[in-house]
Amino acid sequence: ALHFVRSGQVQVTAAEQDSPVISTLLAPDSFGEYALFEEAEWDESYWSLSFVECLTLSRQSFLDVLSMYDEELEKEVCELAEMARDDRRQSAWINKRPPLARWR
C-alpha cells in the first residue's frame, strides 16, 4: 500500500534490527509506493514518533483504477515503475541504504 502522511511524524530505519535513523517523514511525505507495483518485502521499517494519521491507497485499489484505462496507460505506468525500481536499486547500492521519495 501507498501511505501519505497527513499528520504526525514517522521515523524511517533500515529493516535490520538496531539500524540508525534514515529519515523522519512529515506531511505531505509518502512511503510504500513500490508496493503498488510488486509484492515484496520492504527494505525499511517505519515507526510513529507521535500520533500519526495516514491516507492509504491499497495495491488492489490502485490496480482496479489502473484497469479502468486503456492498456497503453497501464503499460506506461509499468515502464515508469520499472525505471523507478532500477533507480532505487542502483541508489540503494551506492548509498548502502534505500532511498525515500519526498514531496518537498
N, C-alpha and C. Protein backbone atom coordinates (compact mmCIF):
# COMPACT_ATOMS: atom_id res chain seq x y z
N ALA A 1 0.84 -1.19 0.00
CA ALA A 1 0.00 0.00 0.00
C ALA A 1 0.88 1.24 0.00
N LEU A 2 0.35 2.29 -0.57
CA LEU A 2 1.00 3.60 -0.56
C LEU A 2 0.39 4.40 0.58
N HIS A 3 1.23 4.99 1.40
CA HIS A 3 0.77 5.75 2.56
C HIS A 3 1.21 7.20 2.43
N PHE A 4 0.28 8.13 2.63
CA PHE A 4 0.56 9.55 2.64
C PHE A 4 0.43 10.03 4.08
N VAL A 5 1.49 10.63 4.61
CA VAL A 5 1.44 11.14 5.98
C VAL A 5 0.61 12.41 5.97
N ARG A 6 -0.49 12.38 6.70
CA ARG A 6 -1.36 13.55 6.79
C ARG A 6 -0.99 14.40 8.00
N SER A 7 -0.61 13.75 9.09
CA SER A 7 -0.16 14.47 10.28
C SER A 7 0.72 13.54 11.10
N GLY A 8 1.53 14.13 11.96
CA GLY A 8 2.41 13.36 12.82
C GLY A 8 3.79 13.18 12.19
N GLN A 9 4.60 12.35 12.84
CA GLN A 9 5.96 12.09 12.40
C GLN A 9 6.19 10.59 12.32
N VAL A 10 6.82 10.16 11.23
CA VAL A 10 7.14 8.76 11.02
C VAL A 10 8.65 8.65 10.84
N GLN A 11 9.28 7.84 11.67
CA GLN A 11 10.73 7.65 11.58
C GLN A 11 11.01 6.44 10.69
N VAL A 12 12.01 6.58 9.84
CA VAL A 12 12.37 5.53 8.90
C VAL A 12 13.75 4.98 9.26
N THR A 13 13.83 3.66 9.37
CA THR A 13 15.11 2.98 9.59
C THR A 13 15.22 1.86 8.57
N ALA A 14 16.43 1.33 8.40
CA ALA A 14 16.59 0.12 7.59
C ALA A 14 15.88 -1.01 8.32
N ALA A 15 15.54 -2.04 7.59
CA ALA A 15 14.75 -3.14 8.17
C ALA A 15 15.50 -3.93 9.22
N GLU A 16 16.84 -3.89 9.19
CA GLU A 16 17.62 -4.65 10.16
C GLU A 16 17.43 -4.08 11.57
N GLN A 17 17.47 -4.95 12.55
CA GLN A 17 17.31 -4.54 13.94
C GLN A 17 18.44 -3.59 14.35
N ASP A 18 18.11 -2.60 15.17
CA ASP A 18 19.06 -1.61 15.69
C ASP A 18 19.72 -0.77 14.59
N SER A 19 19.02 -0.55 13.50
CA SER A 19 19.55 0.28 12.42
C SER A 19 19.42 1.75 12.77
N PRO A 20 20.33 2.59 12.25
CA PRO A 20 20.22 4.02 12.50
C PRO A 20 19.03 4.63 11.76
N VAL A 21 18.62 5.80 12.18
CA VAL A 21 17.52 6.51 11.54
C VAL A 21 17.97 7.00 10.17
N ILE A 22 17.17 6.75 9.16
CA ILE A 22 17.44 7.21 7.81
C ILE A 22 16.82 8.57 7.58
N SER A 23 15.57 8.71 8.04
CA SER A 23 14.83 9.94 7.79
C SER A 23 13.64 10.02 8.73
N THR A 24 13.07 11.21 8.81
CA THR A 24 11.81 11.41 9.51
C THR A 24 10.83 12.01 8.51
N LEU A 25 9.70 11.37 8.35
CA LEU A 25 8.68 11.81 7.40
C LEU A 25 7.64 12.67 8.10
N LEU A 26 7.21 13.71 7.42
CA LEU A 26 6.16 14.62 7.88
C LEU A 26 5.18 14.81 6.73
N ALA A 27 4.02 15.39 7.02
CA ALA A 27 3.07 15.70 5.95
C ALA A 27 3.73 16.68 4.99
N PRO A 28 3.63 16.51 3.71
CA PRO A 28 2.87 15.53 2.92
C PRO A 28 3.75 14.40 2.36
N ASP A 29 4.73 13.93 3.10
CA ASP A 29 5.61 12.85 2.63
C ASP A 29 4.81 11.55 2.45
N SER A 30 5.41 10.64 1.70
CA SER A 30 4.75 9.36 1.45
C SER A 30 5.77 8.23 1.53
N PHE A 31 5.24 7.01 1.67
CA PHE A 31 6.08 5.82 1.65
C PHE A 31 5.26 4.64 1.18
N GLY A 32 5.95 3.63 0.67
CA GLY A 32 5.28 2.41 0.23
C GLY A 32 4.90 2.40 -1.24
N GLU A 33 5.37 3.40 -2.01
CA GLU A 33 4.96 3.49 -3.41
C GLU A 33 5.37 2.28 -4.24
N TYR A 34 6.48 1.64 -3.90
CA TYR A 34 6.91 0.47 -4.66
C TYR A 34 5.99 -0.72 -4.44
N ALA A 35 5.30 -0.74 -3.33
CA ALA A 35 4.38 -1.84 -3.04
C ALA A 35 3.16 -1.82 -3.97
N LEU A 36 2.92 -0.70 -4.66
CA LEU A 36 1.82 -0.67 -5.61
C LEU A 36 2.12 -1.54 -6.83
N PHE A 37 3.39 -1.73 -7.12
CA PHE A 37 3.78 -2.43 -8.34
C PHE A 37 4.26 -3.85 -8.11
N GLU A 38 4.68 -4.16 -6.92
CA GLU A 38 5.18 -5.51 -6.66
C GLU A 38 4.93 -5.88 -5.21
N GLU A 39 4.71 -7.15 -4.99
CA GLU A 39 4.52 -7.64 -3.63
C GLU A 39 5.85 -8.15 -3.13
N ALA A 40 6.59 -7.27 -2.46
CA ALA A 40 7.93 -7.62 -1.98
C ALA A 40 8.09 -7.13 -0.55
N GLU A 41 9.08 -7.68 0.12
CA GLU A 41 9.41 -7.22 1.46
C GLU A 41 9.93 -5.79 1.39
N TRP A 42 9.59 -5.01 2.38
CA TRP A 42 10.08 -3.64 2.43
C TRP A 42 11.52 -3.63 2.94
N ASP A 43 12.30 -2.70 2.42
CA ASP A 43 13.68 -2.55 2.84
C ASP A 43 13.81 -1.65 4.06
N GLU A 44 12.70 -1.03 4.45
CA GLU A 44 12.72 -0.09 5.56
C GLU A 44 11.70 -0.50 6.62
N SER A 45 11.90 0.07 7.82
CA SER A 45 10.90 -0.05 8.89
C SER A 45 10.41 1.36 9.19
N TYR A 46 9.14 1.48 9.53
CA TYR A 46 8.53 2.78 9.79
C TYR A 46 7.96 2.77 11.20
N TRP A 47 8.28 3.82 11.96
CA TRP A 47 7.89 3.91 13.36
C TRP A 47 7.23 5.26 13.61
N SER A 48 6.08 5.26 14.27
CA SER A 48 5.43 6.54 14.59
C SER A 48 6.14 7.16 15.79
N LEU A 49 6.42 8.45 15.68
CA LEU A 49 7.04 9.19 16.77
C LEU A 49 6.00 9.96 17.56
N SER A 50 4.79 10.01 17.04
CA SER A 50 3.68 10.70 17.68
C SER A 50 2.41 10.07 17.12
N PHE A 51 1.27 10.66 17.45
CA PHE A 51 0.04 10.19 16.81
C PHE A 51 0.19 10.50 15.32
N VAL A 52 -0.02 9.48 14.47
CA VAL A 52 0.15 9.64 13.03
C VAL A 52 -1.16 9.32 12.33
N GLU A 53 -1.52 10.18 11.39
CA GLU A 53 -2.67 9.91 10.53
C GLU A 53 -2.14 9.79 9.11
N CYS A 54 -2.43 8.66 8.47
CA CYS A 54 -2.01 8.42 7.09
C CYS A 54 -3.23 8.15 6.22
N LEU A 55 -3.15 8.58 5.00
CA LEU A 55 -4.13 8.20 3.98
C LEU A 55 -3.48 7.07 3.20
N THR A 56 -4.22 6.01 2.96
CA THR A 56 -3.64 4.80 2.38
C THR A 56 -4.36 4.41 1.10
N LEU A 57 -3.57 4.06 0.10
CA LEU A 57 -4.09 3.52 -1.16
C LEU A 57 -3.58 2.09 -1.26
N SER A 58 -4.50 1.13 -1.23
CA SER A 58 -4.09 -0.27 -1.31
C SER A 58 -3.64 -0.61 -2.72
N ARG A 59 -2.84 -1.63 -2.81
CA ARG A 59 -2.37 -2.10 -4.11
C ARG A 59 -3.54 -2.51 -4.99
N GLN A 60 -4.51 -3.21 -4.40
CA GLN A 60 -5.66 -3.67 -5.18
C GLN A 60 -6.48 -2.51 -5.69
N SER A 61 -6.69 -1.48 -4.88
CA SER A 61 -7.44 -0.30 -5.34
C SER A 61 -6.70 0.39 -6.48
N PHE A 62 -5.39 0.50 -6.35
CA PHE A 62 -4.57 1.10 -7.42
C PHE A 62 -4.73 0.30 -8.71
N LEU A 63 -4.62 -1.03 -8.63
CA LEU A 63 -4.75 -1.86 -9.82
C LEU A 63 -6.15 -1.79 -10.42
N ASP A 64 -7.17 -1.68 -9.56
CA ASP A 64 -8.54 -1.55 -10.05
C ASP A 64 -8.72 -0.27 -10.86
N VAL A 65 -8.19 0.84 -10.35
CA VAL A 65 -8.29 2.12 -11.07
C VAL A 65 -7.49 2.05 -12.36
N LEU A 66 -6.31 1.50 -12.29
CA LEU A 66 -5.47 1.40 -13.47
C LEU A 66 -6.14 0.57 -14.57
N SER A 67 -6.87 -0.46 -14.18
CA SER A 67 -7.53 -1.32 -15.16
C SER A 67 -8.69 -0.63 -15.88
N MET A 68 -9.17 0.51 -15.35
CA MET A 68 -10.25 1.26 -15.99
C MET A 68 -9.77 2.00 -17.24
N TYR A 69 -8.47 2.14 -17.38
CA TYR A 69 -7.92 2.88 -18.51
C TYR A 69 -7.37 1.92 -19.54
N ASP A 70 -7.02 2.44 -20.69
CA ASP A 70 -6.56 1.57 -21.76
C ASP A 70 -5.22 0.92 -21.42
N GLU A 71 -4.91 -0.11 -22.16
CA GLU A 71 -3.71 -0.89 -21.90
C GLU A 71 -2.44 -0.08 -22.09
N GLU A 72 -2.50 0.95 -22.95
CA GLU A 72 -1.32 1.77 -23.20
C GLU A 72 -0.91 2.52 -21.93
N LEU A 73 -1.87 3.07 -21.20
CA LEU A 73 -1.57 3.76 -19.95
C LEU A 73 -0.99 2.77 -18.93
N GLU A 74 -1.60 1.61 -18.85
CA GLU A 74 -1.11 0.60 -17.91
C GLU A 74 0.34 0.22 -18.25
N LYS A 75 0.62 0.09 -19.54
CA LYS A 75 1.98 -0.24 -19.99
C LYS A 75 2.95 0.88 -19.59
N GLU A 76 2.56 2.15 -19.80
CA GLU A 76 3.41 3.28 -19.44
C GLU A 76 3.69 3.32 -17.94
N VAL A 77 2.66 3.09 -17.14
CA VAL A 77 2.83 3.09 -15.68
C VAL A 77 3.78 1.97 -15.27
N CYS A 78 3.64 0.81 -15.85
CA CYS A 78 4.53 -0.31 -15.52
C CYS A 78 5.98 -0.01 -15.94
N GLU A 79 6.16 0.65 -17.08
CA GLU A 79 7.51 1.03 -17.50
C GLU A 79 8.12 2.04 -16.54
N LEU A 80 7.33 3.02 -16.11
CA LEU A 80 7.81 4.00 -15.14
C LEU A 80 8.17 3.32 -13.82
N ALA A 81 7.36 2.37 -13.41
CA ALA A 81 7.63 1.65 -12.17
C ALA A 81 8.94 0.87 -12.28
N GLU A 82 9.17 0.26 -13.43
CA GLU A 82 10.42 -0.50 -13.63
C GLU A 82 11.62 0.44 -13.60
N MET A 83 11.50 1.61 -14.22
CA MET A 83 12.59 2.59 -14.19
C MET A 83 12.85 3.05 -12.76
N ALA A 84 11.79 3.32 -12.02
CA ALA A 84 11.94 3.75 -10.63
C ALA A 84 12.56 2.65 -9.79
N ARG A 85 12.17 1.41 -10.03
CA ARG A 85 12.72 0.27 -9.29
C ARG A 85 14.22 0.13 -9.58
N ASP A 86 14.60 0.29 -10.86
CA ASP A 86 16.02 0.22 -11.21
C ASP A 86 16.81 1.35 -10.56
N ASP A 87 16.25 2.57 -10.58
CA ASP A 87 16.91 3.71 -9.94
C ASP A 87 17.06 3.47 -8.45
N ARG A 88 16.03 2.90 -7.84
CA ARG A 88 16.06 2.65 -6.40
C ARG A 88 17.14 1.64 -6.06
N ARG A 89 17.21 0.56 -6.84
CA ARG A 89 18.23 -0.46 -6.59
C ARG A 89 19.64 0.11 -6.74
N GLN A 90 19.85 0.89 -7.79
CA GLN A 90 21.16 1.47 -8.01
C GLN A 90 21.51 2.44 -6.88
N SER A 91 20.56 3.27 -6.50
CA SER A 91 20.80 4.24 -5.43
C SER A 91 21.03 3.54 -4.10
N ALA A 92 20.28 2.50 -3.82
CA ALA A 92 20.45 1.75 -2.57
C ALA A 92 21.83 1.11 -2.52
N TRP A 93 22.29 0.62 -3.65
CA TRP A 93 23.61 0.00 -3.69
C TRP A 93 24.68 1.07 -3.48
N ILE A 94 24.54 2.22 -4.12
CA ILE A 94 25.53 3.29 -3.99
C ILE A 94 25.55 3.84 -2.57
N ASN A 95 24.37 4.10 -2.02
CA ASN A 95 24.27 4.73 -0.70
C ASN A 95 24.26 3.74 0.45
N LYS A 96 24.17 2.45 0.15
CA LYS A 96 24.08 1.40 1.16
C LYS A 96 22.85 1.57 2.05
N ARG A 97 21.84 2.23 1.51
CA ARG A 97 20.57 2.37 2.20
C ARG A 97 19.49 2.63 1.16
N PRO A 98 18.24 2.29 1.44
CA PRO A 98 17.18 2.53 0.47
C PRO A 98 16.82 4.02 0.40
N PRO A 99 16.62 4.54 -0.80
CA PRO A 99 16.22 5.93 -0.93
C PRO A 99 14.75 6.09 -0.57
N LEU A 100 14.36 7.29 -0.28
CA LEU A 100 12.98 7.59 0.06
C LEU A 100 12.44 8.66 -0.87
N ALA A 101 11.18 8.53 -1.22
CA ALA A 101 10.53 9.56 -2.03
C ALA A 101 10.02 10.65 -1.10
N ARG A 102 10.32 11.88 -1.45
CA ARG A 102 9.84 13.02 -0.68
C ARG A 102 9.13 13.97 -1.61
N TRP A 103 8.13 14.62 -1.15
CA TRP A 103 7.35 15.51 -1.98
C TRP A 103 7.78 16.96 -1.84
N ARG A 104 8.78 17.25 -1.10
CA ARG A 104 9.16 18.65 -0.89
C ARG A 104 10.06 19.13 -1.99
